[in-house]
């Protein structure tokens, strides 16, 4: 979270929008890969949560920085003109306020 916040603070003046496409790695490109080999490659066990729950957690995570879903797509956008709360507030759970 702190790294994403820092990147936004550093490069916000260089573009109008920041765009992310968050997805849990265990359900992405590796889904057809043998899980034992994948866990060995990653050096840790895969999370046991359900796919939809994992997506919702990631979307909520990016929402704390102010990203909003773009329609029915899996793309999330943030206007760089949006004033983000300080990282300490985000980490305390006082992230981005609800916006329409």
N, C-alpha and C. Protein backbone atom coordinates (compact mmCIF):
# COMPACT_ATOMS: atom_id res chain seq x y z
N UNK A 1 0.83 -1.18 0.00
CA UNK A 1 0.00 0.00 0.00
C UNK A 1 0.88 1.25 0.00
N UNK A 2 1.89 1.25 0.84
CA UNK A 2 2.78 2.41 0.91
C UNK A 2 3.52 2.62 -0.41
N UNK A 3 3.92 1.53 -1.06
CA UNK A 3 4.63 1.65 -2.34
C UNK A 3 3.71 2.23 -3.42
N UNK A 4 2.47 1.76 -3.49
CA UNK A 4 1.52 2.29 -4.48
C UNK A 4 1.24 3.76 -4.20
N UNK A 5 1.07 4.11 -2.93
CA UNK A 5 0.83 5.50 -2.56
C UNK A 5 2.01 6.37 -2.98
N UNK A 6 3.21 5.91 -2.74
CA UNK A 6 4.41 6.65 -3.10
C UNK A 6 4.52 6.84 -4.62
N UNK A 7 4.22 5.80 -5.37
CA UNK A 7 4.26 5.90 -6.83
C UNK A 7 3.25 6.93 -7.31
N UNK A 8 2.05 6.92 -6.73
CA UNK A 8 1.04 7.90 -7.11
C UNK A 8 1.50 9.31 -6.78
N UNK A 9 2.09 9.49 -5.61
CA UNK A 9 2.56 10.82 -5.21
C UNK A 9 3.68 11.30 -6.14
N UNK A 10 4.54 10.39 -6.54
CA UNK A 10 5.69 10.74 -7.38
C UNK A 10 5.29 11.08 -8.81
N UNK A 11 4.38 10.28 -9.39
CA UNK A 11 4.08 10.43 -10.81
C UNK A 11 2.73 11.05 -11.12
N UNK A 12 1.97 11.46 -10.12
CA UNK A 12 0.63 12.00 -10.35
C UNK A 12 0.62 13.20 -11.27
N UNK A 13 1.63 14.02 -11.23
CA UNK A 13 1.69 15.21 -12.08
C UNK A 13 1.98 14.91 -13.53
N UNK A 14 2.37 13.67 -13.82
CA UNK A 14 2.76 13.31 -15.18
C UNK A 14 1.62 12.72 -16.01
N UNK A 15 0.47 12.45 -15.40
CA UNK A 15 -0.63 11.84 -16.13
C UNK A 15 -1.97 12.26 -15.51
N UNK A 16 -3.04 12.03 -16.24
CA UNK A 16 -4.37 12.41 -15.76
C UNK A 16 -5.02 11.31 -14.94
N UNK A 17 -4.72 10.05 -15.27
CA UNK A 17 -5.33 8.93 -14.58
C UNK A 17 -4.29 7.85 -14.29
N UNK A 18 -4.51 7.17 -13.19
CA UNK A 18 -3.76 5.96 -12.88
C UNK A 18 -4.73 4.80 -13.06
N UNK A 19 -4.27 3.72 -13.65
CA UNK A 19 -5.13 2.58 -13.94
C UNK A 19 -4.47 1.31 -13.43
N UNK A 20 -5.25 0.46 -12.77
CA UNK A 20 -4.76 -0.84 -12.33
C UNK A 20 -5.78 -1.90 -12.71
N UNK A 21 -5.30 -3.10 -12.82
CA UNK A 21 -6.16 -4.26 -13.07
C UNK A 21 -5.80 -5.31 -12.02
N UNK A 22 -6.35 -5.14 -10.82
CA UNK A 22 -5.95 -6.04 -9.72
C UNK A 22 -6.55 -7.45 -9.88
N UNK A 23 -5.70 -8.44 -9.68
CA UNK A 23 -6.19 -9.82 -9.65
C UNK A 23 -5.27 -10.65 -8.76
N UNK A 24 -5.86 -11.58 -8.02
CA UNK A 24 -5.04 -12.45 -7.16
C UNK A 24 -4.19 -13.39 -8.02
N UNK A 25 -2.91 -13.41 -7.75
CA UNK A 25 -2.00 -14.20 -8.59
C UNK A 25 -2.36 -15.68 -8.66
N UNK A 26 -2.89 -16.22 -7.57
CA UNK A 26 -3.19 -17.64 -7.58
C UNK A 26 -4.33 -18.00 -8.52
N UNK A 27 -5.09 -16.99 -9.01
CA UNK A 27 -6.17 -17.25 -9.95
C UNK A 27 -5.88 -16.66 -11.32
N UNK A 28 -4.68 -16.15 -11.51
CA UNK A 28 -4.33 -15.51 -12.77
C UNK A 28 -3.59 -16.45 -13.69
N UNK A 29 -2.45 -16.02 -14.15
CA UNK A 29 -1.67 -16.76 -15.14
C UNK A 29 -1.27 -18.16 -14.67
N UNK A 30 -1.19 -18.35 -13.38
CA UNK A 30 -0.71 -19.62 -12.84
C UNK A 30 -1.82 -20.65 -12.66
N UNK A 31 -3.06 -20.34 -12.97
CA UNK A 31 -4.17 -21.22 -12.62
C UNK A 31 -4.03 -22.64 -13.18
N UNK A 32 -3.39 -22.79 -14.33
CA UNK A 32 -3.22 -24.12 -14.92
C UNK A 32 -1.91 -24.78 -14.51
N UNK A 33 -1.11 -24.08 -13.78
CA UNK A 33 0.20 -24.57 -13.36
C UNK A 33 0.04 -25.51 -12.17
N UNK A 34 0.84 -26.51 -12.09
CA UNK A 34 0.80 -27.43 -10.97
C UNK A 34 1.04 -26.67 -9.67
N UNK A 35 0.09 -26.73 -8.74
CA UNK A 35 0.16 -25.92 -7.52
C UNK A 35 1.38 -26.23 -6.66
N UNK A 36 1.80 -27.47 -6.61
CA UNK A 36 2.97 -27.81 -5.81
C UNK A 36 4.21 -27.11 -6.35
N UNK A 37 4.39 -27.16 -7.65
CA UNK A 37 5.53 -26.48 -8.26
C UNK A 37 5.42 -24.97 -8.12
N UNK A 38 4.20 -24.45 -8.22
CA UNK A 38 4.00 -23.01 -8.07
C UNK A 38 4.36 -22.58 -6.65
N UNK A 39 3.89 -23.33 -5.64
CA UNK A 39 4.22 -22.99 -4.26
C UNK A 39 5.72 -23.04 -4.03
N UNK A 40 6.39 -24.01 -4.64
CA UNK A 40 7.84 -24.11 -4.53
C UNK A 40 8.50 -22.89 -5.19
N UNK A 41 7.99 -22.50 -6.35
CA UNK A 41 8.52 -21.34 -7.08
C UNK A 41 8.32 -20.05 -6.28
N UNK A 42 7.14 -19.87 -5.70
CA UNK A 42 6.84 -18.66 -4.93
C UNK A 42 7.47 -18.67 -3.54
N UNK A 43 7.81 -19.85 -3.05
CA UNK A 43 8.40 -19.95 -1.72
C UNK A 43 7.38 -19.85 -0.60
N UNK A 44 6.10 -20.04 -0.92
CA UNK A 44 5.07 -20.01 0.11
C UNK A 44 3.84 -20.75 -0.37
N UNK A 45 2.97 -21.05 0.57
CA UNK A 45 1.71 -21.72 0.26
C UNK A 45 0.74 -20.74 -0.38
N UNK A 46 -0.09 -21.25 -1.27
CA UNK A 46 -1.13 -20.42 -1.87
C UNK A 46 -2.21 -20.15 -0.83
N UNK A 47 -2.84 -19.00 -0.96
CA UNK A 47 -3.93 -18.66 -0.05
C UNK A 47 -5.09 -19.62 -0.29
N UNK A 48 -5.84 -19.93 0.75
CA UNK A 48 -6.92 -20.89 0.65
C UNK A 48 -8.29 -20.26 0.45
N UNK A 49 -8.36 -18.94 0.34
CA UNK A 49 -9.66 -18.28 0.21
C UNK A 49 -10.25 -18.51 -1.17
N UNK A 50 -11.54 -18.34 -1.26
CA UNK A 50 -12.24 -18.50 -2.52
C UNK A 50 -11.87 -17.38 -3.49
N UNK A 51 -12.03 -17.65 -4.76
CA UNK A 51 -11.63 -16.68 -5.79
C UNK A 51 -12.39 -15.36 -5.66
N UNK A 52 -13.71 -15.39 -5.53
CA UNK A 52 -14.49 -14.15 -5.44
C UNK A 52 -14.08 -13.33 -4.22
N UNK A 53 -13.86 -14.00 -3.10
CA UNK A 53 -13.44 -13.31 -1.87
C UNK A 53 -12.07 -12.64 -2.08
N UNK A 54 -11.19 -13.33 -2.78
CA UNK A 54 -9.86 -12.78 -3.04
C UNK A 54 -9.95 -11.53 -3.92
N UNK A 55 -10.79 -11.58 -4.94
CA UNK A 55 -10.99 -10.40 -5.80
C UNK A 55 -11.56 -9.24 -5.00
N UNK A 56 -12.56 -9.51 -4.17
CA UNK A 56 -13.18 -8.45 -3.37
C UNK A 56 -12.18 -7.80 -2.41
N UNK A 57 -11.31 -8.60 -1.81
CA UNK A 57 -10.29 -8.06 -0.91
C UNK A 57 -9.33 -7.13 -1.65
N UNK A 58 -8.90 -7.55 -2.84
CA UNK A 58 -7.98 -6.72 -3.62
C UNK A 58 -8.65 -5.43 -4.08
N UNK A 59 -9.89 -5.53 -4.51
CA UNK A 59 -10.61 -4.33 -4.95
C UNK A 59 -10.79 -3.36 -3.79
N UNK A 60 -11.07 -3.88 -2.62
CA UNK A 60 -11.19 -3.04 -1.42
C UNK A 60 -9.86 -2.38 -1.09
N UNK A 61 -8.80 -3.15 -1.21
CA UNK A 61 -7.44 -2.65 -0.95
C UNK A 61 -7.13 -1.45 -1.83
N UNK A 62 -7.35 -1.59 -3.15
CA UNK A 62 -7.09 -0.48 -4.07
C UNK A 62 -8.07 0.66 -3.86
N UNK A 63 -9.28 0.35 -3.41
CA UNK A 63 -10.26 1.38 -3.11
C UNK A 63 -9.81 2.30 -1.99
N UNK A 64 -9.01 1.79 -1.07
CA UNK A 64 -8.50 2.62 0.02
C UNK A 64 -7.62 3.76 -0.50
N UNK A 65 -7.03 3.55 -1.66
CA UNK A 65 -6.22 4.60 -2.28
C UNK A 65 -7.07 5.54 -3.15
N UNK A 66 -8.34 5.18 -3.33
CA UNK A 66 -9.24 6.02 -4.12
C UNK A 66 -9.58 5.48 -5.49
N UNK A 67 -9.09 4.29 -5.84
CA UNK A 67 -9.40 3.71 -7.14
C UNK A 67 -10.86 3.26 -7.18
N UNK A 68 -11.50 3.48 -8.32
CA UNK A 68 -12.89 3.08 -8.54
C UNK A 68 -12.97 2.20 -9.77
N UNK A 69 -13.86 1.22 -9.70
CA UNK A 69 -14.04 0.29 -10.81
C UNK A 69 -14.62 1.03 -12.02
N UNK A 70 -14.11 0.73 -13.19
CA UNK A 70 -14.56 1.34 -14.43
C UNK A 70 -15.68 0.49 -15.02
N UNK A 71 -16.92 0.87 -14.74
CA UNK A 71 -18.09 0.13 -15.23
C UNK A 71 -18.09 -1.31 -14.77
N UNK A 72 -18.37 -2.22 -15.69
CA UNK A 72 -18.40 -3.65 -15.37
C UNK A 72 -17.09 -4.35 -15.72
N UNK A 73 -16.04 -3.58 -15.94
CA UNK A 73 -14.75 -4.16 -16.32
C UNK A 73 -13.97 -4.56 -15.07
N UNK A 74 -12.82 -5.14 -15.27
CA UNK A 74 -11.94 -5.47 -14.14
C UNK A 74 -10.82 -4.43 -14.01
N UNK A 75 -11.04 -3.26 -14.60
CA UNK A 75 -10.09 -2.15 -14.56
C UNK A 75 -10.54 -1.14 -13.52
N UNK A 76 -9.58 -0.62 -12.75
CA UNK A 76 -9.85 0.38 -11.73
C UNK A 76 -9.05 1.64 -12.05
N UNK A 77 -9.71 2.80 -11.93
CA UNK A 77 -9.08 4.07 -12.29
C UNK A 77 -9.07 5.02 -11.11
N UNK A 78 -8.13 5.94 -11.18
CA UNK A 78 -8.02 7.01 -10.19
C UNK A 78 -7.60 8.27 -10.91
N UNK A 79 -8.36 9.34 -10.75
CA UNK A 79 -7.94 10.62 -11.29
C UNK A 79 -6.78 11.10 -10.45
N UNK A 80 -5.70 11.49 -11.09
CA UNK A 80 -4.54 11.95 -10.32
C UNK A 80 -4.79 13.32 -9.72
N UNK A 81 -5.88 13.98 -10.11
CA UNK A 81 -6.26 15.25 -9.50
C UNK A 81 -6.91 15.02 -8.13
N UNK A 82 -7.34 13.77 -7.88
CA UNK A 82 -7.96 13.42 -6.61
C UNK A 82 -6.93 13.54 -5.49
N UNK A 83 -7.28 14.24 -4.44
CA UNK A 83 -6.39 14.42 -3.29
C UNK A 83 -6.48 13.19 -2.41
N UNK A 84 -5.40 12.42 -2.39
CA UNK A 84 -5.36 11.21 -1.59
C UNK A 84 -5.07 11.54 -0.13
N UNK A 85 -5.65 10.75 0.77
CA UNK A 85 -5.31 10.96 2.18
C UNK A 85 -3.86 10.56 2.44
N UNK A 86 -3.26 11.07 3.50
CA UNK A 86 -1.89 10.66 3.84
C UNK A 86 -1.82 9.15 4.07
N UNK A 87 -0.70 8.56 3.77
CA UNK A 87 -0.54 7.11 3.90
C UNK A 87 -0.81 6.65 5.33
N UNK A 88 -0.46 7.43 6.32
CA UNK A 88 -0.70 7.00 7.71
C UNK A 88 -2.20 6.84 7.97
N UNK A 89 -3.03 7.69 7.36
CA UNK A 89 -4.48 7.57 7.52
C UNK A 89 -5.01 6.33 6.81
N UNK A 90 -4.46 6.05 5.63
CA UNK A 90 -4.88 4.87 4.88
C UNK A 90 -4.55 3.61 5.67
N UNK A 91 -3.34 3.54 6.19
CA UNK A 91 -2.91 2.35 6.92
C UNK A 91 -3.68 2.16 8.22
N UNK A 92 -4.20 3.24 8.79
CA UNK A 92 -5.01 3.16 10.01
C UNK A 92 -6.44 2.76 9.70
N UNK A 93 -6.77 2.65 8.41
CA UNK A 93 -8.13 2.28 8.05
C UNK A 93 -9.01 3.45 7.70
N UNK A 94 -8.42 4.65 7.66
CA UNK A 94 -9.18 5.84 7.30
C UNK A 94 -8.88 6.23 5.86
N UNK A 95 -9.06 5.27 4.95
CA UNK A 95 -8.69 5.47 3.55
C UNK A 95 -9.57 6.45 2.83
N UNK A 96 -9.63 6.27 1.54
CA UNK A 96 -10.35 7.20 0.68
C UNK A 96 -11.82 7.26 1.05
N UNK A 97 -12.38 8.45 1.12
CA UNK A 97 -13.80 8.57 1.41
C UNK A 97 -14.63 8.07 0.23
N UNK A 98 -15.87 7.69 0.52
CA UNK A 98 -16.76 7.22 -0.55
C UNK A 98 -16.99 8.35 -1.53
N UNK A 99 -16.87 8.03 -2.82
CA UNK A 99 -17.11 9.02 -3.88
C UNK A 99 -18.05 8.40 -4.89
N UNK A 100 -18.74 9.25 -5.61
CA UNK A 100 -19.64 8.72 -6.65
C UNK A 100 -18.94 8.74 -7.99
